[in-house]
PDB file of N, CA and C in Angstrom:
ATOM      1  N   MET A   1     -13.811  51.432  42.140  1.00  0.00           N
ATOM      2  CA  MET A   1     -12.945  52.650  42.028  1.00  0.00           C
ATOM      3  C   MET A   1     -13.960  53.831  40.939  1.00  0.00           C
ATOM      4  N   LYS A   2     -15.210  53.637  41.383  1.00  0.00           N
ATOM      5  CA  LYS A   2     -15.700  55.433  41.172  1.00  0.00           C
ATOM      6  C   LYS A   2     -15.208  55.972  42.133  1.00  0.00           C
ATOM      7  N   ARG A   3     -15.067  55.358  43.335  1.00  0.00           N
ATOM      8  CA  ARG A   3     -14.588  56.053  44.210  1.00  0.00           C
ATOM      9  C   ARG A   3     -12.851  56.880  44.656  1.00  0.00           C
ATOM     10  N   LEU A   4     -12.403  56.089  44.033  1.00  0.00           N
ATOM     11  CA  LEU A   4     -10.770  56.115  44.028  1.00  0.00           C
ATOM     12  C   LEU A   4     -10.610  57.290  43.005  1.00  0.00           C
ATOM     13  N   VAL A   5     -11.037  57.137  41.549  1.00  0.00           N
ATOM     14  CA  VAL A   5     -10.834  58.540  40.430  1.00  0.00           C
ATOM     15  C   VAL A   5     -10.767  60.231  41.804  1.00  0.00           C
ATOM     16  N   PRO A   6     -12.081  60.252  41.966  1.00  0.00           N
ATOM     17  CA  PRO A   6     -12.573  61.632  42.715  1.00  0.00           C
ATOM     18  C   PRO A   6     -11.239  62.089  43.660  1.00  0.00           C
ATOM     19  N   LEU A   7     -10.419  60.948  44.299  1.00  0.00           N
ATOM     20  CA  LEU A   7      -9.470  61.006  45.804  1.00  0.00           C
ATOM     21  C   LEU A   7      -8.556  61.643  45.542  1.00  0.00           C
ATOM     22  N   VAL A   8      -8.645  60.473  44.342  1.00  0.00           N
ATOM     23  CA  VAL A   8      -6.372  60.979  43.546  1.00  0.00           C
ATOM     24  C   VAL A   8      -6.746  62.130  42.970  1.00  0.00           C
ATOM     25  N   ILE A   9      -7.404  62.791  42.250  1.00  0.00           N
ATOM     26  CA  ILE A   9      -7.369  64.096  42.019  1.00  0.00           C
ATOM     27  C   ILE A   9      -7.553  64.850  42.770  1.00  0.00           C
ATOM     28  N   ALA A  10      -7.948  64.736  43.698  1.00  0.00           N
ATOM     29  CA  ALA A  10      -8.769  65.496  45.281  1.00  0.00           C
ATOM     30  C   ALA A  10      -7.017  65.538  45.868  1.00  0.00           C
ATOM     31  N   ALA A  11      -6.080  64.959  46.174  1.00  0.00           N
ATOM     32  CA  ALA A  11      -4.872  64.546  46.773  1.00  0.00           C
ATOM     33  C   ALA A  11      -4.193  64.880  45.596  1.00  0.00           C
ATOM     34  N   CYS A  12      -3.615  65.336  44.551  1.00  0.00           N
ATOM     35  CA  CYS A  12      -3.075  66.181  43.030  1.00  0.00           C
ATOM     36  C   CYS A  12      -3.694  67.667  43.692  1.00  0.00           C
ATOM     37  N   LEU A  13      -4.756  67.776  43.505  1.00  0.00           N
ATOM     38  CA  LEU A  13      -5.291  68.989  44.109  1.00  0.00           C
ATOM     39  C   LEU A  13      -4.247  69.828  45.006  1.00  0.00           C
ATOM     40  N   ALA A  14      -4.761  69.411  46.513  1.00  0.00           N
ATOM     41  CA  ALA A  14      -4.017  69.507  47.379  1.00  0.00           C
ATOM     42  C   ALA A  14      -2.427  69.444  47.363  1.00  0.00           C
ATOM     43  N   SER A  15      -1.924  68.379  47.160  1.00  0.00           N
ATOM     44  CA  SER A  15      -0.487  68.527  46.943  1.00  0.00           C
ATOM     45  C   SER A  15      -0.266  69.324  46.336  1.00  0.00           C
ATOM     46  N   SER A  16      -0.566  70.207  45.122  1.00  0.00           N
ATOM     47  CA  SER A  16      -0.040  70.953  44.351  1.00  0.00           C
ATOM     48  C   SER A  16       0.222  72.591  45.006  1.00  0.00           C
ATOM     49  N   ILE A  17      -1.019  72.467  45.857  1.00  0.00           N
ATOM     50  CA  ILE A  17      -1.847  73.971  46.804  1.00  0.00           C
ATOM     51  C   ILE A  17      -1.109  74.682  47.932  1.00  0.00           C
ATOM     52  N   SER A  18      -1.128  73.015  48.396  1.00  0.00           N
ATOM     53  CA  SER A  18       0.405  73.399  49.817  1.00  0.00           C
ATOM     54  C   SER A  18       1.210  73.978  50.224  1.00  0.00           C
ATOM     55  N   PRO A  19       1.749  74.192  48.886  1.00  0.00           N
ATOM     56  CA  PRO A  19       3.342  74.752  48.636  1.00  0.00           C
ATOM     57  C   PRO A  19       3.592  75.964  48.879  1.00  0.00           C
ATOM     58  N   VAL A  20       2.109  76.617  47.820  1.00  0.00           N
ATOM     59  CA  VAL A  20       2.347  78.124  48.195  1.00  0.00           C
ATOM     60  C   VAL A  20       0.913  78.801  49.466  1.00  0.00           C
ATOM     61  N   LEU A  21       0.066  77.255  49.618  1.00  0.00           N
ATOM     62  CA  LEU A  21      -0.053  78.173  51.242  1.00  0.00           C
ATOM     63  C   LEU A  21       0.550  77.965  52.741  1.00  0.00           C
ATOM     64  N   ALA A  22       1.679  77.254  51.890  1.00  0.00           N
ATOM     65  CA  ALA A  22       2.996  77.014  53.750  1.00  0.00           C
ATOM     66  C   ALA A  22       3.598  78.626  53.136  1.00  0.00           C
ATOM     67  N   ALA A  23       3.857  79.390  51.896  1.00  0.00           N
ATOM     68  CA  ALA A  23       4.894  79.746  52.161  1.00  0.00           C
ATOM     69  C   ALA A  23       3.902  81.303  52.128  1.00  0.00           C
ATOM     70  N   ASP A  24       2.794  81.676  52.040  1.00  0.00           N
ATOM     71  CA  ASP A  24       2.309  82.387  52.000  1.00  0.00           C
ATOM     72  C   ASP A  24       1.759  82.655  53.778  1.00  0.00           C
ATOM     73  N   GLN A  25       1.645  81.467  54.436  1.00  0.00           N
ATOM     74  CA  GLN A  25       1.616  81.399  55.590  1.00  0.00           C
ATOM     75  C   GLN A  25       3.266  81.787  56.546  1.00  0.00           C
ATOM     76  N   LYS A  26       4.413  81.373  55.695  1.00  0.00           N
ATOM     77  CA  LYS A  26       5.200  82.167  56.369  1.00  0.00           C
ATOM     78  C   LYS A  26       5.301  83.579  56.596  1.00  0.00           C
ATOM     79  N   ILE A  27       4.937  84.454  55.696  1.00  0.00           N
ATOM     80  CA  ILE A  27       5.324  85.885  55.861  1.00  0.00           C
ATOM     81  C   ILE A  27       4.144  86.348  56.203  1.00  0.00           C
ATOM     82  N   SER A  28       2.601  85.850  56.610  1.00  0.00           N
ATOM     83  CA  SER A  28       1.711  86.103  57.489  1.00  0.00           C
ATOM     84  C   SER A  28       2.188  86.421  59.072  1.00  0.00           C
ATOM     85  N   LYS A  29       2.474  84.853  58.828  1.00  0.00           N
ATOM     86  CA  LYS A  29       3.310  84.574  60.097  1.00  0.00           C
ATOM     87  C   LYS A  29       4.630  85.317  60.538  1.00  0.00           C
ATOM     88  N   ARG A  30       5.472  85.368  59.893  1.00  0.00           N
ATOM     89  CA  ARG A  30       6.727  86.468  59.850  1.00  0.00           C
ATOM     90  C   ARG A  30       5.999  88.169  60.406  1.00  0.00           C
ATOM     91  N   GLN A  31       5.026  89.053  59.298  1.00  0.00           N
ATOM     92  CA  GLN A  31       3.919  90.129  59.376  1.00  0.00           C
ATOM     93  C   GLN A  31       3.589  90.289  60.184  1.00  0.00           C
ATOM     94  N   HIS A  32       3.204  89.411  61.212  1.00  0.00           N
ATOM     95  CA  HIS A  32       2.633  89.398  62.678  1.00  0.00           C
ATOM     96  C   HIS A  32       3.517  89.533  63.605  1.00  0.00           C
ATOM     97  N   LYS A  33       4.884  88.649  63.628  1.00  0.00           N
ATOM     98  CA  LYS A  33       5.946  88.676  64.701  1.00  0.00           C
ATOM     99  C   LYS A  33       6.208  90.129  64.463  1.00  0.00           C
ATOM    100  N   GLU A  34       6.540  91.069  62.967  1.00  0.00           N
ATOM    101  CA  GLU A  34       7.165  91.995  63.319  1.00  0.00           C
ATOM    102  C   GLU A  34       5.933  93.313  63.414  1.00  0.00           C
ATOM    103  N   GLN A  35       5.413  93.116  63.467  1.00  0.00           N
ATOM    104  CA  GLN A  35       5.090  94.002  63.998  1.00  0.00           C
ATOM    105  C   GLN A  35       4.261  93.718  66.044  1.00  0.00           C
ATOM    106  N   VAL A  36       4.488  92.126  65.908  1.00  0.00           N
ATOM    107  CA  VAL A  36       5.131  92.329  67.606  1.00  0.00           C
ATOM    108  C   VAL A  36       5.713  93.556  68.197  1.00  0.00           C
ATOM    109  N   ARG A  37       7.142  93.176  67.368  1.00  0.00           N
ATOM    110  CA  ARG A  37       8.060  93.232  67.877  1.00  0.00           C
ATOM    111  C   ARG A  37       8.471  95.202  68.125  1.00  0.00           C
ATOM    112  N   ILE A  38       7.472  95.584  66.846  1.00  0.00           N
ATOM    113  CA  ILE A  38       7.114  97.038  66.980  1.00  0.00           C
ATOM    114  C   ILE A  38       6.495  97.452  67.732  1.00  0.00           C
ATOM    115  N   ASN A  39       5.638  97.030  68.024  1.00  0.00           N
ATOM    116  CA  ASN A  39       4.258  97.248  69.297  1.00  0.00           C
ATOM    117  C   ASN A  39       4.748  97.319  70.561  1.00  0.00           C
ATOM    118  N   LYS A  40       5.574  95.728  70.992  1.00  0.00           N
ATOM    119  CA  LYS A  40       6.597  96.559  72.103  1.00  0.00           C
ATOM    120  C   LYS A  40       8.098  97.044  72.069  1.00  0.00           C
ATOM    121  N   GLY A  41       8.557  97.658  71.116  1.00  0.00           N
ATOM    122  CA  GLY A  41       9.491  98.673  71.319  1.00  0.00           C
ATOM    123  C   GLY A  41       8.454 100.492  71.568  1.00  0.00           C
ATOM    124  N   ALA A  42       7.581 100.359  70.967  1.00  0.00           N
ATOM    125  CA  ALA A  42       6.953 100.905  71.238  1.00  0.00           C
ATOM    126  C   ALA A  42       6.722 101.347  72.913  1.00  0.00           C
ATOM    127  N   LYS A  43       6.433 100.407  72.819  1.00  0.00           N
ATOM    128  CA  LYS A  43       5.362 100.331  74.270  1.00  0.00           C
ATOM    129  C   LYS A  43       6.301 100.393  75.592  1.00  0.00           C
ATOM    130  N   SER A  44       7.874 100.258  74.986  1.00  0.00           N
ATOM    131  CA  SER A  44       9.132  99.963  76.387  1.00  0.00           C
ATOM    132  C   SER A  44       9.851 101.694  76.137  1.00  0.00           C
ATOM    133  N   GLY A  45       9.516 101.772  75.571  1.00  0.00           N
ATOM    134  CA  GLY A  45      10.184 103.325  74.920  1.00  0.00           C
ATOM    135  C   GLY A  45      11.456 102.646  73.648  1.00  0.00           C
ATOM    136  N   GLN A  46      12.044 101.666  73.551  1.00  0.00           N
ATOM    137  CA  GLN A  46      12.655 101.871  72.849  1.00  0.00           C
ATOM    138  C   GLN A  46      12.584 102.490  71.517  1.00  0.00           C
ATOM    139  N   LEU A  47      11.713 103.094  71.046  1.00  0.00           N
ATOM    140  CA  LEU A  47      10.971 103.535  69.311  1.00  0.00           C
ATOM    141  C   LEU A  47      10.505 104.714  69.397  1.00  0.00           C
ATOM    142  N   THR A  48      10.806 105.728  69.036  1.00  0.00           N
ATOM    143  CA  THR A  48      10.282 106.744  69.293  1.00  0.00           C
ATOM    144  C   THR A  48       8.775 106.758  68.100  1.00  0.00           C
ATOM    145  N   GLY A  49       8.191 108.113  68.581  1.00  0.00           N
ATOM    146  CA  GLY A  49       6.846 107.781  67.685  1.00  0.00           C
ATOM    147  C   GLY A  49       6.818 108.203  66.227  1.00  0.00           C
ATOM    148  N   LYS A  50       8.291 108.982  65.823  1.00  0.00           N
ATOM    149  CA  LYS A  50       8.699 108.863  64.326  1.00  0.00           C
ATOM    150  C   LYS A  50       9.223 107.653  63.651  1.00  0.00           C
ATOM    151  N   GLU A  51      10.114 106.961  64.776  1.00  0.00           N
ATOM    152  CA  GLU A  51      10.857 105.439  64.746  1.00  0.00           C
ATOM    153  C   GLU A  51       9.128 104.369  64.227  1.00  0.00           C
ATOM    154  N   ARG A  52       8.167 104.772  64.764  1.00  0.00           N
ATOM    155  CA  ARG A  52       7.458 103.551  65.355  1.00  0.00           C
ATOM    156  C   ARG A  52       6.941 103.310  63.399  1.00  0.00           C
ATOM    157  N   ALA A  53       6.013 105.167  63.208  1.00  0.00           N
ATOM    158  CA  ALA A  53       5.646 105.257  62.346  1.00  0.00           C
ATOM    159  C   ALA A  53       6.504 105.064  61.324  1.00  0.00           C
ATOM    160  N   ARG A  54       7.486 105.107  60.530  1.00  0.00           N
ATOM    161  CA  ARG A  54       8.024 104.437  59.488  1.00  0.00           C
ATOM    162  C   ARG A  54       8.535 103.651  60.175  1.00  0.00           C
ATOM    163  N   LEU A  55       8.456 103.064  60.836  1.00  0.00           N
ATOM    164  CA  LEU A  55       8.503 100.944  61.264  1.00  0.00           C
ATOM    165  C   LEU A  55       7.172 100.708  60.516  1.00  0.00           C
ATOM    166  N   GLN A  56       5.855 101.289  61.165  1.00  0.00           N
ATOM    167  CA  GLN A  56       4.891 101.278  60.582  1.00  0.00           C
ATOM    168  C   GLN A  56       4.619 101.309  59.372  1.00  0.00           C
ATOM    169  N   ASN A  57       4.902 102.030  58.715  1.00  0.00           N
ATOM    170  CA  ASN A  57       4.847 102.077  56.790  1.00  0.00           C
ATOM    171  C   ASN A  57       5.147 101.653  55.822  1.00  0.00           C
ATOM    172  N   GLN A  58       6.443 101.004  55.997  1.00  0.00           N
ATOM    173  CA  GLN A  58       7.136 100.077  55.557  1.00  0.00           C
ATOM    174  C   GLN A  58       6.426  98.181  55.803  1.00  0.00           C
ATOM    175  N   GLU A  59       5.862  98.359  56.830  1.00  0.00           N
ATOM    176  CA  GLU A  59       5.491  97.153  57.299  1.00  0.00           C
ATOM    177  C   GLU A  59       3.561  97.406  56.609  1.00  0.00           C
ATOM    178  N   ASN A  60       3.340  97.949  56.715  1.00  0.00           N
ATOM    179  CA  ASN A  60       2.102  98.242  55.433  1.00  0.00           C
ATOM    180  C   ASN A  60       2.648  98.032  54.117  1.00  0.00           C
ATOM    181  N   LEU A  61       3.431  99.059  53.082  1.00  0.00           N
ATOM    182  CA  LEU A  61       4.042  98.508  52.160  1.00  0.00           C
ATOM    183  C   LEU A  61       3.839  97.400  51.757  1.00  0.00           C
ATOM    184  N   ILE A  62       4.823  96.442  53.004  1.00  0.00           N
ATOM    185  CA  ILE A  62       4.206  94.838  52.168  1.00  0.00           C
ATOM    186  C   ILE A  62       3.608  94.102  52.471  1.00  0.00           C
ATOM    187  N   LYS A  63       2.424  94.010  53.649  1.00  0.00           N
ATOM    188  CA  LYS A  63       1.523  94.011  53.541  1.00  0.00           C
ATOM    189  C   LYS A  63       0.268  95.057  51.938  1.00  0.00           C
ATOM    190  N   ILE A  64       0.601  95.804  51.442  1.00  0.00           N
ATOM    191  CA  ILE A  64      -0.264  96.392  50.766  1.00  0.00           C
ATOM    192  C   ILE A  64       0.587  95.063  48.616  1.00  0.00           C
ATOM    193  N   GLU A  65       2.189  94.865  48.529  1.00  0.00           N
ATOM    194  CA  GLU A  65       2.350  93.780  48.146  1.00  0.00           C
ATOM    195  C   GLU A  65       1.957  92.885  47.960  1.00  0.00           C
ATOM    196  N   HIS A  66       2.090  92.406  49.204  1.00  0.00           N
ATOM    197  CA  HIS A  66       1.318  90.903  49.360  1.00  0.00           C
ATOM    198  C   HIS A  66       0.093  90.726  48.805  1.00  0.00           C
ATOM    199  N   ALA A  67      -0.881  91.700  48.532  1.00  0.00           N
ATOM    200  CA  ALA A  67      -2.120  91.038  48.527  1.00  0.00           C
ATOM    201  C   ALA A  67      -2.342  91.713  47.251  1.00  0.00           C
ATOM    202  N   GLN A  68      -1.340  92.706  46.605  1.00  0.00           N
ATOM    203  CA  GLN A  68      -1.373  92.634  45.148  1.00  0.00           C
ATOM    204  C   GLN A  68      -0.810  91.702  44.234  1.00  0.00           C
ATOM    205  N   ALA A  69       0.740  90.376  45.140  1.00  0.00           N
ATOM    206  CA  ALA A  69       1.055  89.570  44.989  1.00  0.00           C
ATOM    207  C   ALA A  69      -0.084  88.199  44.954  1.00  0.00           C
ATOM    208  N   MET A  70      -1.635  88.091  45.595  1.00  0.00           N
ATOM    209  CA  MET A  70      -1.529  87.042  45.336  1.00  0.00           C
ATOM    210  C   MET A  70      -3.325  87.783  44.886  1.00  0.00           C
ATOM    211  N   SER A  71      -3.617  89.190  44.266  1.00  0.00           N
ATOM    212  CA  SER A  71      -4.504  89.443  43.945  1.00  0.00           C
ATOM    213  C   SER A  71      -4.967  88.333  42.457  1.00  0.00           C
ATOM    214  N   ASP A  72      -4.396  87.714  41.756  1.00  0.00           N
ATOM    215  CA  ASP A  72      -4.260  86.813  40.405  1.00  0.00           C
ATOM    216  C   ASP A  72      -4.549  85.808  41.558  1.00  0.00           C
ATOM    217  N   GLY A  73      -5.147  84.810  42.986  1.00  0.00           N
ATOM    218  CA  GLY A  73      -4.543  83.964  43.554  1.00  0.00           C
ATOM    219  C   GLY A  73      -3.340  83.020  43.393  1.00  0.00           C
ATOM    220  N   LYS A  74      -2.064  83.495  43.043  1.00  0.00           N
ATOM    221  CA  LYS A  74      -1.282  82.061  43.227  1.00  0.00           C
ATOM    222  C   LYS A  74       0.269  83.884  43.536  1.00  0.00           C
ATOM    223  N   MET A  75       1.338  83.094  43.766  1.00  0.00           N
ATOM    224  CA  MET A  75       2.463  83.828  43.697  1.00  0.00           C
ATOM    225  C   MET A  75       3.585  83.626  43.119  1.00  0.00           C
ATOM    226  N   THR A  76       3.908  84.195  42.476  1.00  0.00           N
ATOM    227  CA  THR A  76       5.412  84.014  42.132  1.00  0.00           C
ATOM    228  C   THR A  76       6.625  83.708  42.813  1.00  0.00           C
ATOM    229  N   GLN A  77       7.703  82.879  42.656  1.00  0.00           N
ATOM    230  CA  GLN A  77       8.580  83.079  43.380  1.00  0.00           C
ATOM    231  C   GLN A  77       9.700  83.925  42.930  1.00  0.00           C
ATOM    232  N   ARG A  78       9.830  84.896  42.203  1.00  0.00           N
ATOM    233  CA  ARG A  78       9.793  86.283  42.325  1.00  0.00           C
ATOM    234  C   ARG A  78       8.841  87.372  43.263  1.00  0.00           C
ATOM    235  N   GLU A  79       8.104  87.071  43.241  1.00  0.00           N
ATOM    236  CA  GLU A  79       7.754  88.339  44.168  1.00  0.00           C
ATOM    237  C   GLU A  79       7.274  87.691  45.909  1.00  0.00           C
ATOM    238  N   ARG A  80       7.098  86.551  45.931  1.00  0.00           N
ATOM    239  CA  ARG A  80       7.890  85.704  46.948  1.00  0.00           C
ATOM    240  C   ARG A  80       9.534  86.196  47.625  1.00  0.00           C
ATOM    241  N   THR A  81      10.469  86.268  46.813  1.00  0.00           N
ATOM    242  CA  THR A  81      11.972  86.164  46.957  1.00  0.00           C
ATOM    243  C   THR A  81      11.518  88.429  47.088  1.00  0.00           C
ATOM    244  N   ASP A  82      10.818  89.247  46.346  1.00  0.00           N
ATOM    245  CA  ASP A  82      11.111  90.484  46.726  1.00  0.00           C
ATOM    246  C   ASP A  82      10.231  90.099  48.341  1.00  0.00           C
ATOM    247  N   ILE A  83       9.202  90.471  48.088  1.00  0.00           N
ATOM    248  CA  ILE A  83       8.661  90.246  49.807  1.00  0.00           C
ATOM    249  C   ILE A  83       9.798  89.629  50.736  1.00  0.00           C
ATOM    250  N   ARG A  84      10.016  88.948  50.511  1.00  0.00           N
ATOM    251  CA  ARG A  84      11.406  88.488  51.779  1.00  0.00           C
ATOM    252  C   ARG A  84      12.119  89.250  51.959  1.00  0.00           C
ATOM    253  N   HIS A  85      12.741  89.979  50.581  1.00  0.00           N
ATOM    254  CA  HIS A  85      13.904  91.336  51.171  1.00  0.00           C
ATOM    255  C   HIS A  85      13.300  92.463  52.027  1.00  0.00           C
ATOM    256  N   ASP A  86      12.107  92.207  51.364  1.00  0.00           N
ATOM    257  CA  ASP A  86      11.574  93.862  51.973  1.00  0.00           C
ATOM    258  C   ASP A  86      11.406  93.395  53.108  1.00  0.00           C
ATOM    259  N   GLN A  87      10.833  92.552  54.056  1.00  0.00           N
ATOM    260  CA  GLN A  87      10.725  91.856  55.105  1.00  0.00           C
ATOM    261  C   GLN A  87      12.435  91.293  56.084  1.00  0.00           C
ATOM    262  N   ASN A  88      13.379  91.505  55.708  1.00  0.00           N
ATOM    263  CA  ASN A  88      14.649  91.576  55.594  1.00  0.00           C
ATOM    264  C   ASN A  88      14.645  92.730  56.539  1.00  0.00           C
ATOM    265  N   ARG A  89      15.009  93.267  54.758  1.00  0.00           N
ATOM    266  CA  ARG A  89      15.339  94.740  55.614  1.00  0.00           C
ATOM    267  C   ARG A  89      14.392  96.177  55.992  1.00  0.00           C
ATOM    268  N   LEU A  90      13.199  95.644  56.545  1.00  0.00           N
ATOM    269  CA  LEU A  90      12.633  95.760  57.518  1.00  0.00           C
ATOM    270  C   LEU A  90      12.561  95.364  58.772  1.00  0.00           C
ATOM    271  N   ASN A  91      13.207  94.074  59.085  1.00  0.00           N
ATOM    272  CA  ASN A  91      14.256  93.339  60.673  1.00  0.00           C
ATOM    273  C   ASN A  91      15.259  93.946  60.410  1.00  0.00           C
ATOM    274  N   LYS A  92      16.249  94.037  59.386  1.00  0.00           N
ATOM    275  CA  LYS A  92      17.229  95.256  60.243  1.00  0.00           C
ATOM    276  C   LYS A  92      16.887  96.420  60.255  1.00  0.00           C
ATOM    277  N   ASP A  93      15.635  96.877  59.526  1.00  0.00           N
ATOM    278  CA  ASP A  93      15.572  98.237  60.784  1.00  0.00           C
ATOM    279  C   ASP A  93      14.389  98.160  61.712  1.00  0.00           C
ATOM    280  N   ILE A  94      14.148  97.314  61.719  1.00  0.00           N
ATOM    281  CA  ILE A  94      13.552  96.965  63.748  1.00  0.00           C
ATOM    282  C   ILE A  94      14.715  97.391  64.702  1.00  0.00           C
ATOM    283  N   LYS A  95      15.455  96.094  64.461  1.00  0.00           N
ATOM    284  CA  LYS A  95      16.034  96.133  65.354  1.00  0.00           C
ATOM    285  C   LYS A  95      17.350  97.251  65.343  1.00  0.00           C
ATOM    286  N   HIS A  96      18.025  97.866  64.026  1.00  0.00           N
ATOM    287  CA  HIS A  96      18.780  98.925  64.240  1.00  0.00           C
ATOM    288  C   HIS A  96      18.015  99.956  64.829  1.00  0.00           C
ATOM    289  N   LYS A  97      16.527 100.140  65.102  1.00  0.00           N
ATOM    290  CA  LYS A  97      16.016 101.885  65.473  1.00  0.00           C
ATOM    291  C   LYS A  97      15.171 101.220  67.266  1.00  0.00           C
ATOM    292  N   LYS A  98      16.074  99.932  67.285  1.00  0.00           N
ATOM    293  CA  LYS A  98      14.996  99.421  69.032  1.00  0.00           C
ATOM    294  C   LYS A  98      16.917  99.737  69.364  1.00  0.00           C
ATOM    295  N   HIS A  99      17.848  99.184  69.404  1.00  0.00           N
ATOM    296  CA  HIS A  99      18.921  99.777  69.987  1.00  0.00           C
ATOM    297  C   HIS A  99      19.799 100.970  69.319  1.00  0.00           C
ATOM    298  N   ASN A 100      18.773 102.262  68.942  1.00  0.00           N
ATOM    299  CA  ASN A 100      19.832 103.226  68.631  1.00  0.00           C
ATOM    300  C   ASN A 100      19.827 104.732  69.933  1.00  0.00           C
ATOM    301  N   VAL A 101      20.205 105.678  70.045  1.00  0.00           N
ATOM    302  CA  VAL A 101      20.342 105.948  71.057  1.00  0.00           C
ATOM    303  C   VAL A 101      19.098 107.123  71.551  1.00  0.00           C
ATOM    304  N   LYS A 102      18.451 106.542  70.711  1.00  0.00           N
ATOM    305  CA  LYS A 102      16.658 107.984  71.004  1.00  0.00           C
ATOM    306  C   LYS A 102      15.728 106.944  71.754  1.00  0.00           C
ATOM    307  N   ARG A 103      15.141 107.201  72.884  1.00  0.00           N
ATOM    308  CA  ARG A 103      14.527 106.906  73.460  1.00  0.00           C
ATOM    309  C   ARG A 103      13.593 107.890  73.696  1.00  0.00           C
ATOM    310  N   VAL A 104      12.971 106.944  74.486  1.00  0.00           N
ATOM    311  CA  VAL A 104      11.778 107.881  74.758  1.00  0.00           C
ATOM    312  C   VAL A 104      11.216 107.208  76.537  1.00  0.00           C
ATOM    313  N   TYR A 105      11.104 108.447  77.151  1.00  0.00           N
ATOM    314  CA  TYR A 105      11.259 108.798  78.370  1.00  0.00           C
ATOM    315  C   TYR A 105      10.164 109.004  78.588  1.00  0.00           C
ATOM    316  N   PRO A 106       9.125 107.666  79.998  1.00  0.00           N
ATOM    317  CA  PRO A 106       7.719 108.005  80.515  1.00  0.00           C
ATOM    318  C   PRO A 106       8.061 109.492  81.442  1.00  0.00           C
TER     319      PRO A 106
END
């Protein structure tokens, strides 16, 4: 019985924390994927220097917003929604800038 109580408490804590960590990991994973897309576009010549810089600034602002959201140790649903909105906008901007007529020719 003495071992059961701490295990039950630990299980309750783990189950309450895991959705927050899962959402945080999804955001971080998506940021990484978008960074890779920006780098590939710059390397292949699909993005000009200015386009890459603007996309990078957008990505940095999302990272700052994410850090501010996690500064109190938890992320609210509203903060998560705002970050997802910004990531969706960045995703569209990457696609648009990679497929426009501006190119860098080596």
